[in-house]
Amino acid sequence: MNPASDRIERKILLKVPRSKVWRVLANAEAFGQWFGVSLEGKRFVSGEWTQGQITYPGYEHLLWNVLVERVEPERVFSFRWHPYAVEPEVDYSQEPTTLVKFELTDMDDGTLLTVSESGFDHIPQHRRLKAFRMDSRGWDEQMNNIEEFLKTSAKTRERQEE
């Protein structure tokens, strides 16, 4: 296994308390809003599958399907999925999955969110590199999405309190 090709990791300092970051990670509906998946009425439960229609432009024809692995309040949220499974005519169900893990750490200025995705070395070779590259880009975008979502949520709450 080559650690450089098997794992993606991103970190972002979010200037809000851990409890607020946790709410937009572990609450499926809030997660879907910033992640780009319709998860109204859904919940994240360890050991259960969660599905929703992708709302990200160009990918609306796809179903987001994850197996929730861990939900440790305000610490770790993780799930397994088939990375970059974007061809509707392909059955990815027999392929290995990657593990996506969100970890929260208190910092002086807020909460450090670390997201990692590992297991790419087990993905079939003919699609491994593209899945790694596309998910790598995707995590860059998702870190921006969660940061913006938290900023927008805070501004909305401030206006409501005025």
C-alpha atoms as a PDB file:
ATOM      1  CA  MET A   1       0.000   0.000   0.000  1.00  0.00           C
ATOM      2  CA  ASN A   2       1.181   3.473  -0.869  1.00  0.00           C
ATOM      3  CA  PRO A   3      -0.075   5.941   1.760  1.00  0.00           C
ATOM      4  CA  ALA A   4       0.166   8.845  -0.724  1.00  0.00           C
ATOM      5  CA  SER A   5      -2.247   7.181  -3.147  1.00  0.00           C
ATOM      6  CA  ASP A   6      -4.460   5.462  -0.575  1.00  0.00           C
ATOM      7  CA  ARG A   7      -5.558   8.421   1.553  1.00  0.00           C
ATOM      8  CA  ILE A   8      -6.879  11.939   1.096  1.00  0.00           C
ATOM      9  CA  GLU A   9      -6.837  14.257   4.088  1.00  0.00           C
ATOM     10  CA  ARG A  10      -8.077  17.816   4.463  1.00  0.00           C
ATOM     11  CA  LYS A  11      -8.157  20.070   7.523  1.00  0.00           C
ATOM     12  CA  ILE A  12      -9.974  23.318   8.113  1.00  0.00           C
ATOM     13  CA  LEU A  13     -10.268  25.550  11.154  1.00  0.00           C
ATOM     14  CA  LEU A  14     -13.921  26.495  11.553  1.00  0.00           C
ATOM     15  CA  LYS A  15     -14.435  29.515  13.792  1.00  0.00           C
ATOM     16  CA  VAL A  16     -17.425  28.075  15.632  1.00  0.00           C
ATOM     17  CA  PRO A  17     -17.781  25.781  18.652  1.00  0.00           C
ATOM     18  CA  ARG A  18     -17.531  22.032  18.174  1.00  0.00           C
ATOM     19  CA  SER A  19     -21.262  21.577  18.905  1.00  0.00           C
ATOM     20  CA  LYS A  20     -22.188  23.725  15.877  1.00  0.00           C
ATOM     21  CA  VAL A  21     -19.853  21.827  13.550  1.00  0.00           C
ATOM     22  CA  TRP A  22     -21.227  18.554  14.888  1.00  0.00           C
ATOM     23  CA  ARG A  23     -24.795  19.657  14.169  1.00  0.00           C
ATOM     24  CA  VAL A  24     -24.077  20.197  10.465  1.00  0.00           C
ATOM     25  CA  LEU A  25     -22.146  16.919  10.217  1.00  0.00           C
ATOM     26  CA  ALA A  26     -24.298  14.472  12.140  1.00  0.00           C
ATOM     27  CA  ASN A  27     -27.709  15.900  11.265  1.00  0.00           C
ATOM     28  CA  ALA A  28     -28.426  14.325   7.874  1.00  0.00           C
ATOM     29  CA  GLU A  29     -30.665  17.149   6.647  1.00  0.00           C
ATOM     30  CA  ALA A  30     -28.084  19.841   7.483  1.00  0.00           C
ATOM     31  CA  PHE A  31     -25.283  17.686   6.047  1.00  0.00           C
ATOM     32  CA  GLY A  32     -27.192  17.358   2.797  1.00  0.00           C
ATOM     33  CA  GLN A  33     -27.643  21.126   2.518  1.00  0.00           C
ATOM     34  CA  TRP A  34     -23.929  21.881   2.396  1.00  0.00           C
ATOM     35  CA  PHE A  35     -22.822  18.595   0.813  1.00  0.00           C
ATOM     36  CA  GLY A  36     -25.258  18.699  -2.111  1.00  0.00           C
ATOM     37  CA  VAL A  37     -27.602  15.787  -1.353  1.00  0.00           C
ATOM     38  CA  SER A  38     -31.334  15.765  -0.681  1.00  0.00           C
ATOM     39  CA  LEU A  39     -31.613  14.136   2.757  1.00  0.00           C
ATOM     40  CA  GLU A  40     -34.902  15.551   4.036  1.00  0.00           C
ATOM     41  CA  GLY A  41     -36.370  13.260   6.669  1.00  0.00           C
ATOM     42  CA  LYS A  42     -33.209  11.105   6.815  1.00  0.00           C
ATOM     43  CA  ARG A  43     -30.987  10.251   9.776  1.00  0.00           C
ATOM     44  CA  PHE A  44     -27.439   8.998  10.168  1.00  0.00           C
ATOM     45  CA  VAL A  45     -27.476   5.802  12.242  1.00  0.00           C
ATOM     46  CA  SER A  46     -24.427   3.564  12.773  1.00  0.00           C
ATOM     47  CA  GLY A  47     -24.730   0.358  10.778  1.00  0.00           C
ATOM     48  CA  GLU A  48     -27.466   1.679   8.492  1.00  0.00           C
ATOM     49  CA  TRP A  49     -27.483   2.868   4.889  1.00  0.00           C
ATOM     50  CA  THR A  50     -28.464   6.455   4.099  1.00  0.00           C
ATOM     51  CA  GLN A  51     -29.486   7.411   0.572  1.00  0.00           C
ATOM     52  CA  GLY A  52     -30.462  10.643  -1.104  1.00  0.00           C
ATOM     53  CA  GLN A  53     -30.621  12.231  -4.518  1.00  0.00           C
ATOM     54  CA  ILE A  54     -27.524  14.256  -5.360  1.00  0.00           C
ATOM     55  CA  THR A  55     -28.365  17.929  -5.954  1.00  0.00           C
ATOM     56  CA  TYR A  56     -24.945  19.032  -7.213  1.00  0.00           C
ATOM     57  CA  PRO A  57     -25.280  20.422 -10.771  1.00  0.00           C
ATOM     58  CA  GLY A  58     -24.458  17.794 -13.384  1.00  0.00           C
ATOM     59  CA  TYR A  59     -24.836  14.890 -10.963  1.00  0.00           C
ATOM     60  CA  GLU A  60     -28.571  15.110 -10.162  1.00  0.00           C
ATOM     61  CA  HIS A  61     -29.150  11.769 -11.908  1.00  0.00           C
ATOM     62  CA  LEU A  62     -27.148   9.963  -9.197  1.00  0.00           C
ATOM     63  CA  LEU A  63     -28.146   8.467  -5.872  1.00  0.00           C
ATOM     64  CA  TRP A  64     -25.821   9.144  -2.934  1.00  0.00           C
ATOM     65  CA  ASN A  65     -25.556   5.936  -0.939  1.00  0.00           C
ATOM     66  CA  VAL A  66     -23.449   5.542   2.208  1.00  0.00           C
ATOM     67  CA  LEU A  67     -23.146   3.010   5.005  1.00  0.00           C
ATOM     68  CA  VAL A  68     -22.826   4.951   8.264  1.00  0.00           C
ATOM     69  CA  GLU A  69     -20.045   3.432  10.315  1.00  0.00           C
ATOM     70  CA  ARG A  70     -19.503   5.605  13.395  1.00  0.00           C
ATOM     71  CA  VAL A  71     -21.440   8.391  15.071  1.00  0.00           C
ATOM     72  CA  GLU A  72     -19.530   9.414  18.214  1.00  0.00           C
ATOM     73  CA  PRO A  73     -21.155  12.670  19.352  1.00  0.00           C
ATOM     74  CA  GLU A  74     -19.001  15.737  18.796  1.00  0.00           C
ATOM     75  CA  ARG A  75     -15.942  13.571  17.990  1.00  0.00           C
ATOM     76  CA  VAL A  76     -16.188  11.302  14.936  1.00  0.00           C
ATOM     77  CA  PHE A  77     -18.629  10.723  12.114  1.00  0.00           C
ATOM     78  CA  SER A  78     -17.709   8.196   9.424  1.00  0.00           C
ATOM     79  CA  PHE A  79     -19.253   6.337   6.535  1.00  0.00           C
ATOM     80  CA  ARG A  80     -18.305   4.023   3.683  1.00  0.00           C
ATOM     81  CA  TRP A  81     -19.116   4.674   0.036  1.00  0.00           C
ATOM     82  CA  HIS A  82     -18.071   3.899  -3.487  1.00  0.00           C
ATOM     83  CA  PRO A  83     -15.790   6.766  -4.526  1.00  0.00           C
ATOM     84  CA  TYR A  84     -16.646   8.670  -7.687  1.00  0.00           C
ATOM     85  CA  ALA A  85     -19.405   6.209  -8.587  1.00  0.00           C
ATOM     86  CA  VAL A  86     -20.847   8.424 -11.318  1.00  0.00           C
ATOM     87  CA  GLU A  87     -21.749   6.084 -14.186  1.00  0.00           C
ATOM     88  CA  PRO A  88     -25.435   5.147 -13.703  1.00  0.00           C
ATOM     89  CA  GLU A  89     -25.104   2.026 -15.879  1.00  0.00           C
ATOM     90  CA  VAL A  90     -22.235   0.609 -13.758  1.00  0.00           C
ATOM     91  CA  ASP A  91     -22.975  -1.620 -10.758  1.00  0.00           C
ATOM     92  CA  TYR A  92     -20.429  -0.588  -8.124  1.00  0.00           C
ATOM     93  CA  SER A  93     -21.939  -2.774  -5.393  1.00  0.00           C
ATOM     94  CA  GLN A  94     -19.323  -5.526  -5.745  1.00  0.00           C
ATOM     95  CA  GLU A  95     -16.403  -3.102  -5.444  1.00  0.00           C
ATOM     96  CA  PRO A  96     -14.686  -2.316  -2.149  1.00  0.00           C
ATOM     97  CA  THR A  97     -15.643   0.970  -0.510  1.00  0.00           C
ATOM     98  CA  THR A  98     -13.525   3.774   0.881  1.00  0.00           C
ATOM     99  CA  LEU A  99     -13.870   5.056   4.435  1.00  0.00           C
ATOM    100  CA  VAL A 100     -14.735   8.735   4.906  1.00  0.00           C
ATOM    101  CA  LYS A 101     -14.051  10.010   8.415  1.00  0.00           C
ATOM    102  CA  PHE A 102     -14.779  13.436   9.923  1.00  0.00           C
ATOM    103  CA  GLU A 103     -12.968  14.197  13.183  1.00  0.00           C
ATOM    104  CA  LEU A 104     -13.449  17.240  15.411  1.00  0.00           C
ATOM    105  CA  THR A 105     -10.817  18.803  17.677  1.00  0.00           C
ATOM    106  CA  ASP A 106     -11.223  21.867  19.901  1.00  0.00           C
ATOM    107  CA  MET A 107      -8.845  24.713  19.087  1.00  0.00           C
ATOM    108  CA  ASP A 108      -8.389  28.163  20.662  1.00  0.00           C
ATOM    109  CA  ASP A 109     -10.094  29.833  17.679  1.00  0.00           C
ATOM    110  CA  GLY A 110     -12.838  27.271  17.066  1.00  0.00           C
ATOM    111  CA  THR A 111     -12.957  23.692  15.831  1.00  0.00           C
ATOM    112  CA  LEU A 112     -10.478  21.847  13.662  1.00  0.00           C
ATOM    113  CA  LEU A 113     -12.333  19.616  11.214  1.00  0.00           C
ATOM    114  CA  THR A 114     -10.246  16.849   9.698  1.00  0.00           C
ATOM    115  CA  VAL A 115     -11.763  14.805   6.897  1.00  0.00           C
ATOM    116  CA  SER A 116      -9.983  11.769   5.534  1.00  0.00           C
ATOM    117  CA  GLU A 117     -10.894   9.239   2.889  1.00  0.00           C
ATOM    118  CA  SER A 118      -8.896   6.026   2.770  1.00  0.00           C
ATOM    119  CA  GLY A 119      -8.939   2.695   0.986  1.00  0.00           C
ATOM    120  CA  PHE A 120      -8.272   3.763  -2.607  1.00  0.00           C
ATOM    121  CA  ASP A 121      -5.649   1.039  -3.043  1.00  0.00           C
ATOM    122  CA  HIS A 122      -8.503  -1.487  -2.966  1.00  0.00           C
ATOM    123  CA  ILE A 123     -10.519   0.213  -5.708  1.00  0.00           C
ATOM    124  CA  PRO A 124     -10.235  -1.553  -9.095  1.00  0.00           C
ATOM    125  CA  GLN A 125      -7.142  -0.296 -10.843  1.00  0.00           C
ATOM    126  CA  HIS A 126      -8.955   0.878 -13.981  1.00  0.00           C
ATOM    127  CA  ARG A 127     -10.789   3.570 -11.974  1.00  0.00           C
ATOM    128  CA  ARG A 128      -8.589   4.076  -8.910  1.00  0.00           C
ATOM    129  CA  LEU A 129      -6.608   7.121 -10.082  1.00  0.00           C
ATOM    130  CA  LYS A 130      -9.634   9.009 -11.403  1.00  0.00           C
ATOM    131  CA  ALA A 131     -11.626   8.265  -8.222  1.00  0.00           C
ATOM    132  CA  PHE A 132      -8.709   9.505  -6.096  1.00  0.00           C
ATOM    133  CA  ARG A 133      -8.257  12.699  -8.153  1.00  0.00           C
ATOM    134  CA  MET A 134     -11.958  13.538  -8.326  1.00  0.00           C
ATOM    135  CA  ASP A 135     -12.587  12.890  -4.634  1.00  0.00           C
ATOM    136  CA  SER A 136      -9.474  14.889  -3.763  1.00  0.00           C
ATOM    137  CA  ARG A 137     -10.893  17.891  -5.646  1.00  0.00           C
ATOM    138  CA  GLY A 138     -14.302  17.222  -4.147  1.00  0.00           C
ATOM    139  CA  TRP A 139     -13.002  17.411  -0.582  1.00  0.00           C
ATOM    140  CA  ASP A 140     -11.380  20.772  -1.312  1.00  0.00           C
ATOM    141  CA  GLU A 141     -14.781  22.030  -2.413  1.00  0.00           C
ATOM    142  CA  GLN A 142     -16.656  20.424   0.479  1.00  0.00           C
ATOM    143  CA  MET A 143     -14.379  22.064   3.061  1.00  0.00           C
ATOM    144  CA  ASN A 144     -15.297  25.428   1.525  1.00  0.00           C
ATOM    145  CA  ASN A 145     -18.966  24.411   1.472  1.00  0.00           C
ATOM    146  CA  ILE A 146     -19.143  23.555   5.173  1.00  0.00           C
ATOM    147  CA  GLU A 147     -17.291  26.751   6.115  1.00  0.00           C
ATOM    148  CA  GLU A 148     -19.674  28.897   4.038  1.00  0.00           C
ATOM    149  CA  PHE A 149     -22.718  27.018   5.358  1.00  0.00           C
ATOM    150  CA  LEU A 150     -21.655  27.684   8.955  1.00  0.00           C
ATOM    151  CA  LYS A 151     -21.002  31.388   8.207  1.00  0.00           C
ATOM    152  CA  THR A 152     -24.361  31.783   6.463  1.00  0.00           C
ATOM    153  CA  SER A 153     -26.165  29.950   9.281  1.00  0.00           C
ATOM    154  CA  ALA A 154     -24.577  32.267  11.870  1.00  0.00           C
ATOM    155  CA  LYS A 155     -25.595  35.408   9.915  1.00  0.00           C
ATOM    156  CA  THR A 156     -29.151  34.106   9.520  1.00  0.00           C
ATOM    157  CA  ARG A 157     -29.411  33.459  13.270  1.00  0.00           C
ATOM    158  CA  GLU A 158     -28.062  36.949  14.047  1.00  0.00           C
ATOM    159  CA  ARG A 159     -30.722  38.550  11.826  1.00  0.00           C
ATOM    160  CA  GLN A 160     -33.457  36.472  13.455  1.00  0.00           C
ATOM    161  CA  GLU A 161     -32.330  37.579  16.911  1.00  0.00           C
ATOM    162  CA  GLU A 162     -32.400  41.314  16.031  1.00  0.00           C
END
